Amino acid sequence: VGEMVFPLICENAESRVFTVTDEQMIEGMKFVFERMKLVVEPASGAGVYAAINFMEELDPPPSKVGVILCGGNVDLNSLPWNT
């Protein structure tokens, strides 16, 4: 995240932190791959999984959710669901 965007995220983002397992990160990666035809790295998979599965835990639930997707740390020859 760039130095101009990071302060905006800190100012407007939810302060609650969610944790996900390695398997849940992979589920998030696979979700993006199957529905958007994009290959993302595990860190993005974590955000996707949390956005889909944990938003109901927030009170009130957010009306808008953003997840930053990136794929720079992906080895296309060893995608976790192809092993």
PDB file of N, CA and C in Angstrom:
ATOM      1  N   VAL A   1       0.855  -1.169   0.000  1.00  0.00           N
ATOM      2  CA  VAL A   1       0.000   0.000   0.000  1.00  0.00           C
ATOM      3  C   VAL A   1       0.897   1.227   0.000  1.00  0.00           C
ATOM      4  N   GLY A   2       0.597   2.157  -0.864  1.00  0.00           N
ATOM      5  CA  GLY A   2       1.423   3.345  -1.004  1.00  0.00           C
ATOM      6  C   GLY A   2       1.295   4.316   0.159  1.00  0.00           C
ATOM      7  N   GLU A   3       2.247   5.227   0.256  1.00  0.00           N
ATOM      8  CA  GLU A   3       2.271   6.157   1.384  1.00  0.00           C
ATOM      9  C   GLU A   3       1.117   7.156   1.359  1.00  0.00           C
ATOM     10  N   MET A   4       0.504   7.389   0.206  1.00  0.00           N
ATOM     11  CA  MET A   4      -0.657   8.280   0.158  1.00  0.00           C
ATOM     12  C   MET A   4      -1.935   7.541   0.567  1.00  0.00           C
ATOM     13  N   VAL A   5      -2.020   6.272   0.222  1.00  0.00           N
ATOM     14  CA  VAL A   5      -3.235   5.501   0.483  1.00  0.00           C
ATOM     15  C   VAL A   5      -3.285   4.992   1.920  1.00  0.00           C
ATOM     16  N   PHE A   6      -2.137   4.618   2.481  1.00  0.00           N
ATOM     17  CA  PHE A   6      -2.115   4.014   3.811  1.00  0.00           C
ATOM     18  C   PHE A   6      -2.798   4.873   4.877  1.00  0.00           C
ATOM     19  N   PRO A   7      -2.537   6.187   4.955  1.00  0.00           N
ATOM     20  CA  PRO A   7      -3.234   6.997   5.966  1.00  0.00           C
ATOM     21  C   PRO A   7      -4.755   6.997   5.778  1.00  0.00           C
ATOM     22  N   LEU A   8      -5.210   6.972   4.536  1.00  0.00           N
ATOM     23  CA  LEU A   8      -6.653   6.922   4.288  1.00  0.00           C
ATOM     24  C   LEU A   8      -7.255   5.617   4.790  1.00  0.00           C
ATOM     25  N   ILE A   9      -6.545   4.528   4.563  1.00  0.00           N
ATOM     26  CA  ILE A   9      -7.023   3.238   5.047  1.00  0.00           C
ATOM     27  C   ILE A   9      -7.083   3.247   6.574  1.00  0.00           C
ATOM     28  N   CYS A  10      -6.035   3.744   7.212  1.00  0.00           N
ATOM     29  CA  CYS A  10      -6.001   3.781   8.677  1.00  0.00           C
ATOM     30  C   CYS A  10      -7.130   4.637   9.243  1.00  0.00           C
ATOM     31  N   GLU A  11      -7.443   5.715   8.569  1.00  0.00           N
ATOM     32  CA  GLU A  11      -8.477   6.634   9.036  1.00  0.00           C
ATOM     33  C   GLU A  11      -9.879   6.053   8.869  1.00  0.00           C
ATOM     34  N   ASN A  12     -10.100   5.293   7.807  1.00  0.00           N
ATOM     35  CA  ASN A  12     -11.451   4.850   7.475  1.00  0.00           C
ATOM     36  C   ASN A  12     -11.723   3.372   7.697  1.00  0.00           C
ATOM     37  N   ALA A  13     -10.704   2.601   7.966  1.00  0.00           N
ATOM     38  CA  ALA A  13     -10.892   1.152   8.074  1.00  0.00           C
ATOM     39  C   ALA A  13     -11.392   0.757   9.457  1.00  0.00           C
ATOM     40  N   GLU A  14     -12.039  -0.387   9.506  1.00  0.00           N
ATOM     41  CA  GLU A  14     -12.494  -0.983  10.763  1.00  0.00           C
ATOM     42  C   GLU A  14     -11.273  -1.340  11.600  1.00  0.00           C
ATOM     43  N   SER A  15     -11.356  -1.144  12.888  1.00  0.00           N
ATOM     44  CA  SER A  15     -10.197  -1.406  13.739  1.00  0.00           C
ATOM     45  C   SER A  15     -10.135  -2.847  14.247  1.00  0.00           C
ATOM     46  N   ARG A  16     -11.130  -3.638  13.964  1.00  0.00           N
ATOM     47  CA  ARG A  16     -11.133  -5.035  14.426  1.00  0.00           C
ATOM     48  C   ARG A  16     -10.237  -5.882  13.531  1.00  0.00           C
ATOM     49  N   VAL A  17      -9.538  -6.838  14.125  1.00  0.00           N
ATOM     50  CA  VAL A  17      -8.642  -7.721  13.389  1.00  0.00           C
ATOM     51  C   VAL A  17      -9.208  -9.133  13.422  1.00  0.00           C
ATOM     52  N   PHE A  18      -9.197  -9.790  12.274  1.00  0.00           N
ATOM     53  CA  PHE A  18      -9.641 -11.176  12.174  1.00  0.00           C
ATOM     54  C   PHE A  18      -8.434 -12.039  11.839  1.00  0.00           C
ATOM     55  N   THR A  19      -8.413 -13.248  12.353  1.00  0.00           N
ATOM     56  CA  THR A  19      -7.349 -14.182  11.994  1.00  0.00           C
ATOM     57  C   THR A  19      -7.945 -15.332  11.199  1.00  0.00           C
ATOM     58  N   VAL A  20      -7.163 -15.835  10.259  1.00  0.00           N
ATOM     59  CA  VAL A  20      -7.590 -16.976   9.448  1.00  0.00           C
ATOM     60  C   VAL A  20      -6.466 -18.009   9.427  1.00  0.00           C
ATOM     61  N   THR A  21      -6.834 -19.245   9.176  1.00  0.00           N
ATOM     62  CA  THR A  21      -5.849 -20.321   9.085  1.00  0.00           C
ATOM     63  C   THR A  21      -5.246 -20.350   7.683  1.00  0.00           C
ATOM     64  N   ASP A  22      -4.194 -21.121   7.517  1.00  0.00           N
ATOM     65  CA  ASP A  22      -3.607 -21.292   6.185  1.00  0.00           C
ATOM     66  C   ASP A  22      -4.634 -21.871   5.219  1.00  0.00           C
ATOM     67  N   GLU A  23      -5.426 -22.824   5.694  1.00  0.00           N
ATOM     68  CA  GLU A  23      -6.443 -23.441   4.832  1.00  0.00           C
ATOM     69  C   GLU A  23      -7.495 -22.420   4.408  1.00  0.00           C
ATOM     70  N   GLN A  24      -7.859 -21.517   5.318  1.00  0.00           N
ATOM     71  CA  GLN A  24      -8.836 -20.481   4.983  1.00  0.00           C
ATOM     72  C   GLN A  24      -8.260 -19.483   3.980  1.00  0.00           C
ATOM     73  N   MET A  25      -6.965 -19.163   4.091  1.00  0.00           N
ATOM     74  CA  MET A  25      -6.320 -18.306   3.090  1.00  0.00           C
ATOM     75  C   MET A  25      -6.426 -18.940   1.710  1.00  0.00           C
ATOM     76  N   ILE A  26      -6.164 -20.233   1.654  1.00  0.00           N
ATOM     77  CA  ILE A  26      -6.240 -20.943   0.374  1.00  0.00           C
ATOM     78  C   ILE A  26      -7.668 -20.935  -0.154  1.00  0.00           C
ATOM     79  N   GLU A  27      -8.651 -21.090   0.731  1.00  0.00           N
ATOM     80  CA  GLU A  27     -10.053 -21.005   0.301  1.00  0.00           C
ATOM     81  C   GLU A  27     -10.341 -19.640  -0.317  1.00  0.00           C
ATOM     82  N   GLY A  28      -9.815 -18.578   0.295  1.00  0.00           N
ATOM     83  CA  GLY A  28      -9.997 -17.235  -0.252  1.00  0.00           C
ATOM     84  C   GLY A  28      -9.335 -17.076  -1.605  1.00  0.00           C
ATOM     85  N   MET A  29      -8.117 -17.618  -1.752  1.00  0.00           N
ATOM     86  CA  MET A  29      -7.416 -17.579  -3.043  1.00  0.00           C
ATOM     87  C   MET A  29      -8.231 -18.302  -4.112  1.00  0.00           C
ATOM     88  N   LYS A  30      -8.734 -19.474  -3.757  1.00  0.00           N
ATOM     89  CA  LYS A  30      -9.493 -20.284  -4.710  1.00  0.00           C
ATOM     90  C   LYS A  30     -10.800 -19.599  -5.087  1.00  0.00           C
ATOM     91  N   PHE A  31     -11.436 -18.943  -4.122  1.00  0.00           N
ATOM     92  CA  PHE A  31     -12.671 -18.202  -4.388  1.00  0.00           C
ATOM     93  C   PHE A  31     -12.434 -17.152  -5.474  1.00  0.00           C
ATOM     94  N   VAL A  32     -11.354 -16.378  -5.321  1.00  0.00           N
ATOM     95  CA  VAL A  32     -11.039 -15.336  -6.310  1.00  0.00           C
ATOM     96  C   VAL A  32     -10.701 -15.970  -7.658  1.00  0.00           C
ATOM     97  N   PHE A  33      -9.938 -17.049  -7.638  1.00  0.00           N
ATOM     98  CA  PHE A  33      -9.550 -17.723  -8.880  1.00  0.00           C
ATOM     99  C   PHE A  33     -10.774 -18.239  -9.633  1.00  0.00           C
ATOM    100  N   GLU A  34     -11.686 -18.881  -8.929  1.00  0.00           N
ATOM    101  CA  GLU A  34     -12.852 -19.483  -9.581  1.00  0.00           C
ATOM    102  C   GLU A  34     -13.866 -18.452 -10.055  1.00  0.00           C
ATOM    103  N   ARG A  35     -14.035 -17.368  -9.315  1.00  0.00           N
ATOM    104  CA  ARG A  35     -15.092 -16.413  -9.648  1.00  0.00           C
ATOM    105  C   ARG A  35     -14.614 -15.212 -10.457  1.00  0.00           C
ATOM    106  N   MET A  36     -13.358 -14.836 -10.288  1.00  0.00           N
ATOM    107  CA  MET A  36     -12.841 -13.655 -10.981  1.00  0.00           C
ATOM    108  C   MET A  36     -11.765 -13.988 -11.999  1.00  0.00           C
ATOM    109  N   LYS A  37     -11.326 -15.235 -12.011  1.00  0.00           N
ATOM    110  CA  LYS A  37     -10.259 -15.684 -12.913  1.00  0.00           C
ATOM    111  C   LYS A  37      -8.971 -14.906 -12.677  1.00  0.00           C
ATOM    112  N   LEU A  38      -8.701 -14.605 -11.394  1.00  0.00           N
ATOM    113  CA  LEU A  38      -7.474 -13.922 -10.990  1.00  0.00           C
ATOM    114  C   LEU A  38      -6.702 -14.818 -10.037  1.00  0.00           C
ATOM    115  N   VAL A  39      -5.382 -14.792 -10.136  1.00  0.00           N
ATOM    116  CA  VAL A  39      -4.538 -15.524  -9.198  1.00  0.00           C
ATOM    117  C   VAL A  39      -3.995 -14.507  -8.198  1.00  0.00           C
ATOM    118  N   VAL A  40      -4.326 -14.711  -6.922  1.00  0.00           N
ATOM    119  CA  VAL A  40      -3.861 -13.808  -5.869  1.00  0.00           C
ATOM    120  C   VAL A  40      -2.996 -14.585  -4.885  1.00  0.00           C
ATOM    121  N   GLU A  41      -2.205 -13.855  -4.127  1.00  0.00           N
ATOM    122  CA  GLU A  41      -1.330 -14.495  -3.148  1.00  0.00           C
ATOM    123  C   GLU A  41      -2.105 -14.781  -1.858  1.00  0.00           C
ATOM    124  N   PRO A  42      -1.528 -15.610  -0.980  1.00  0.00           N
ATOM    125  CA  PRO A  42      -2.230 -15.985   0.247  1.00  0.00           C
ATOM    126  C   PRO A  42      -2.680 -14.804   1.112  1.00  0.00           C
ATOM    127  N   ALA A  43      -1.901 -13.736   1.174  1.00  0.00           N
ATOM    128  CA  ALA A  43      -2.310 -12.581   1.979  1.00  0.00           C
ATOM    129  C   ALA A  43      -3.631 -12.011   1.479  1.00  0.00           C
ATOM    130  N   SER A  44      -3.821 -11.969   0.177  1.00  0.00           N
ATOM    131  CA  SER A  44      -5.091 -11.509  -0.382  1.00  0.00           C
ATOM    132  C   SER A  44      -6.196 -12.512  -0.102  1.00  0.00           C
ATOM    133  N   GLY A  45      -5.858 -13.792  -0.173  1.00  0.00           N
ATOM    134  CA  GLY A  45      -6.837 -14.829   0.149  1.00  0.00           C
ATOM    135  C   GLY A  45      -7.353 -14.689   1.568  1.00  0.00           C
ATOM    136  N   ALA A  46      -6.482 -14.278   2.485  1.00  0.00           N
ATOM    137  CA  ALA A  46      -6.896 -14.073   3.877  1.00  0.00           C
ATOM    138  C   ALA A  46      -7.945 -12.973   3.973  1.00  0.00           C
ATOM    139  N   GLY A  47      -7.701 -11.863   3.285  1.00  0.00           N
ATOM    140  CA  GLY A  47      -8.658 -10.756   3.306  1.00  0.00           C
ATOM    141  C   GLY A  47      -9.987 -11.122   2.686  1.00  0.00           C
ATOM    142  N   VAL A  48      -9.942 -11.852   1.587  1.00  0.00           N
ATOM    143  CA  VAL A  48     -11.173 -12.283   0.918  1.00  0.00           C
ATOM    144  C   VAL A  48     -11.963 -13.211   1.830  1.00  0.00           C
ATOM    145  N   TYR A  49     -11.277 -14.181   2.424  1.00  0.00           N
ATOM    146  CA  TYR A  49     -11.968 -15.125   3.308  1.00  0.00           C
ATOM    147  C   TYR A  49     -12.628 -14.386   4.471  1.00  0.00           C
ATOM    148  N   ALA A  50     -11.887 -13.478   5.093  1.00  0.00           N
ATOM    149  CA  ALA A  50     -12.436 -12.730   6.229  1.00  0.00           C
ATOM    150  C   ALA A  50     -13.627 -11.877   5.806  1.00  0.00           C
ATOM    151  N   ALA A  51     -13.539 -11.234   4.648  1.00  0.00           N
ATOM    152  CA  ALA A  51     -14.636 -10.387   4.179  1.00  0.00           C
ATOM    153  C   ALA A  51     -15.901 -11.198   3.933  1.00  0.00           C
ATOM    154  N   ILE A  52     -15.751 -12.404   3.442  1.00  0.00           N
ATOM    155  CA  ILE A  52     -16.913 -13.242   3.145  1.00  0.00           C
ATOM    156  C   ILE A  52     -17.491 -13.869   4.414  1.00  0.00           C
ATOM    157  N   ASN A  53     -16.640 -14.261   5.339  1.00  0.00           N
ATOM    158  CA  ASN A  53     -17.090 -15.095   6.452  1.00  0.00           C
ATOM    159  C   ASN A  53     -17.222 -14.408   7.809  1.00  0.00           C
ATOM    160  N   PHE A  54     -16.607 -13.241   8.001  1.00  0.00           N
ATOM    161  CA  PHE A  54     -16.611 -12.653   9.336  1.00  0.00           C
ATOM    162  C   PHE A  54     -17.343 -11.318   9.448  1.00  0.00           C
ATOM    163  N   MET A  55     -17.885 -10.784   8.377  1.00  0.00           N
ATOM    164  CA  MET A  55     -18.511  -9.467   8.438  1.00  0.00           C
ATOM    165  C   MET A  55     -19.726  -9.440   9.360  1.00  0.00           C
ATOM    166  N   GLU A  56     -20.427 -10.568   9.490  1.00  0.00           N
ATOM    167  CA  GLU A  56     -21.609 -10.592  10.353  1.00  0.00           C
ATOM    168  C   GLU A  56     -21.238 -10.430  11.831  1.00  0.00           C
ATOM    169  N   GLU A  57     -19.958 -10.590  12.171  1.00  0.00           N
ATOM    170  CA  GLU A  57     -19.516 -10.420  13.553  1.00  0.00           C
ATOM    171  C   GLU A  57     -19.384  -8.948  13.947  1.00  0.00           C
ATOM    172  N   LEU A  58     -19.380  -8.053  12.976  1.00  0.00           N
ATOM    173  CA  LEU A  58     -19.256  -6.626  13.272  1.00  0.00           C
ATOM    174  C   LEU A  58     -20.632  -6.041  13.566  1.00  0.00           C
ATOM    175  N   ASP A  59     -20.684  -5.139  14.532  1.00  0.00           N
ATOM    176  CA  ASP A  59     -21.954  -4.515  14.897  1.00  0.00           C
ATOM    177  C   ASP A  59     -21.768  -3.009  14.918  1.00  0.00           C
ATOM    178  N   PRO A  60     -22.374  -2.291  14.022  1.00  0.00           N
ATOM    179  CA  PRO A  60     -23.226  -2.763  12.927  1.00  0.00           C
ATOM    180  C   PRO A  60     -22.377  -3.324  11.788  1.00  0.00           C
ATOM    181  N   PRO A  61     -22.967  -4.195  10.973  1.00  0.00           N
ATOM    182  CA  PRO A  61     -22.224  -4.723   9.823  1.00  0.00           C
ATOM    183  C   PRO A  61     -21.868  -3.592   8.861  1.00  0.00           C
ATOM    184  N   PRO A  62     -20.694  -3.639   8.260  1.00  0.00           N
ATOM    185  CA  PRO A  62     -20.299  -2.565   7.335  1.00  0.00           C
ATOM    186  C   PRO A  62     -21.157  -2.575   6.078  1.00  0.00           C
ATOM    187  N   SER A  63     -21.384  -1.389   5.534  1.00  0.00           N
ATOM    188  CA  SER A  63     -22.147  -1.302   4.286  1.00  0.00           C
ATOM    189  C   SER A  63     -21.231  -1.467   3.077  1.00  0.00           C
ATOM    190  N   LYS A  64     -19.940  -1.208   3.261  1.00  0.00           N
ATOM    191  CA  LYS A  64     -18.965  -1.361   2.179  1.00  0.00           C
ATOM    192  C   LYS A  64     -17.734  -2.067   2.730  1.00  0.00           C
ATOM    193  N   VAL A  65     -17.187  -2.970   1.934  1.00  0.00           N
ATOM    194  CA  VAL A  65     -15.989  -3.709   2.332  1.00  0.00           C
ATOM    195  C   VAL A  65     -15.001  -3.655   1.178  1.00  0.00           C
ATOM    196  N   GLY A  66     -13.755  -3.373   1.471  1.00  0.00           N
ATOM    197  CA  GLY A  66     -12.709  -3.370   0.453  1.00  0.00           C
ATOM    198  C   GLY A  66     -11.609  -4.341   0.829  1.00  0.00           C
ATOM    199  N   VAL A  67     -11.118  -5.078  -0.145  1.00  0.00           N
ATOM    200  CA  VAL A  67     -10.002  -5.998   0.062  1.00  0.00           C
ATOM    201  C   VAL A  67      -8.966  -5.695  -1.013  1.00  0.00           C
ATOM    202  N   ILE A  68      -7.738  -5.475  -0.602  1.00  0.00           N
ATOM    203  CA  ILE A  68      -6.658  -5.221  -1.556  1.00  0.00           C
ATOM    204  C   ILE A  68      -6.176  -6.559  -2.093  1.00  0.00           C
ATOM    205  N   LEU A  69      -6.220  -6.714  -3.414  1.00  0.00           N
ATOM    206  CA  LEU A  69      -5.778  -7.948  -4.059  1.00  0.00           C
ATOM    207  C   LEU A  69      -4.411  -7.737  -4.686  1.00  0.00           C
ATOM    208  N   CYS A  70      -3.511  -8.687  -4.447  1.00  0.00           N
ATOM    209  CA  CYS A  70      -2.187  -8.647  -5.050  1.00  0.00           C
ATOM    210  C   CYS A  70      -1.762 -10.075  -5.355  1.00  0.00           C
ATOM    211  N   GLY A  71      -0.815 -10.221  -6.256  1.00  0.00           N
ATOM    212  CA  GLY A  71      -0.404 -11.560  -6.648  1.00  0.00           C
ATOM    213  C   GLY A  71       1.074 -11.699  -6.901  1.00  0.00           C
ATOM    214  N   GLY A  72       1.853 -10.775  -6.388  1.00  0.00           N
ATOM    215  CA  GLY A  72       3.283 -10.789  -6.649  1.00  0.00           C
ATOM    216  C   GLY A  72       4.042 -11.945  -6.028  1.00  0.00           C
ATOM    217  N   ASN A  73       3.485 -12.572  -5.009  1.00  0.00           N
ATOM    218  CA  ASN A  73       4.178 -13.662  -4.320  1.00  0.00           C
ATOM    219  C   ASN A  73       3.554 -15.014  -4.631  1.00  0.00           C
ATOM    220  N   VAL A  74       3.159 -15.218  -5.874  1.00  0.00           N
ATOM    221  CA  VAL A  74       2.516 -16.471  -6.269  1.00  0.00           C
ATOM    222  C   VAL A  74       3.407 -17.214  -7.252  1.00  0.00           C
ATOM    223  N   ASP A  75       3.600 -18.493  -7.002  1.00  0.00           N
ATOM    224  CA  ASP A  75       4.284 -19.373  -7.943  1.00  0.00           C
ATOM    225  C   ASP A  75       3.207 -20.140  -8.697  1.00  0.00           C
ATOM    226  N   LEU A  76       3.014 -19.812  -9.960  1.00  0.00           N
ATOM    227  CA  LEU A  76       1.942 -20.430 -10.743  1.00  0.00           C
ATOM    228  C   LEU A  76       2.118 -21.934 -10.896  1.00  0.00           C
ATOM    229  N   ASN A  77       3.333 -22.422 -10.717  1.00  0.00           N
ATOM    230  CA  ASN A  77       3.575 -23.857 -10.834  1.00  0.00           C
ATOM    231  C   ASN A  77       3.198 -24.629  -9.577  1.00  0.00           C
ATOM    232  N   SER A  78       2.895 -23.927  -8.503  1.00  0.00           N
ATOM    233  CA  SER A  78       2.530 -24.647  -7.279  1.00  0.00           C
ATOM    234  C   SER A  78       1.367 -23.979  -6.546  1.00  0.00           C
ATOM    235  N   LEU A  79       0.276 -23.754  -7.275  1.00  0.00           N
ATOM    236  CA  LEU A  79      -0.934 -23.239  -6.641  1.00  0.00           C
ATOM    237  C   LEU A  79      -1.439 -24.283  -5.650  1.00  0.00           C
ATOM    238  N   PRO A  80      -1.838 -23.865  -4.446  1.00  0.00           N
ATOM    239  CA  PRO A  80      -2.143 -24.828  -3.384  1.00  0.00           C
ATOM    240  C   PRO A  80      -3.251 -25.824  -3.710  1.00  0.00           C
ATOM    241  N   TRP A  81      -4.201 -25.444  -4.538  1.00  0.00           N
ATOM    242  CA  TRP A  81      -5.298 -26.371  -4.842  1.00  0.00           C
ATOM    243  C   TRP A  81      -4.971 -27.299  -6.006  1.00  0.00           C
ATOM    244  N   ASN A  82      -3.793 -27.143  -6.610  1.00  0.00           N
ATOM    245  CA  ASN A  82      -3.367 -28.022  -7.709  1.00  0.00           C
ATOM    246  C   ASN A  82      -2.328 -29.039  -7.271  1.00  0.00           C
ATOM    247  N   THR A  83      -1.987 -29.069  -5.995  1.00  0.00           N
ATOM    248  CA  THR A  83      -0.945 -29.990  -5.539  1.00  0.00           C
ATOM    249  C   THR A  83      -1.514 -31.312  -5.097  1.00  0.00           C
TER     250      THR A  83
END
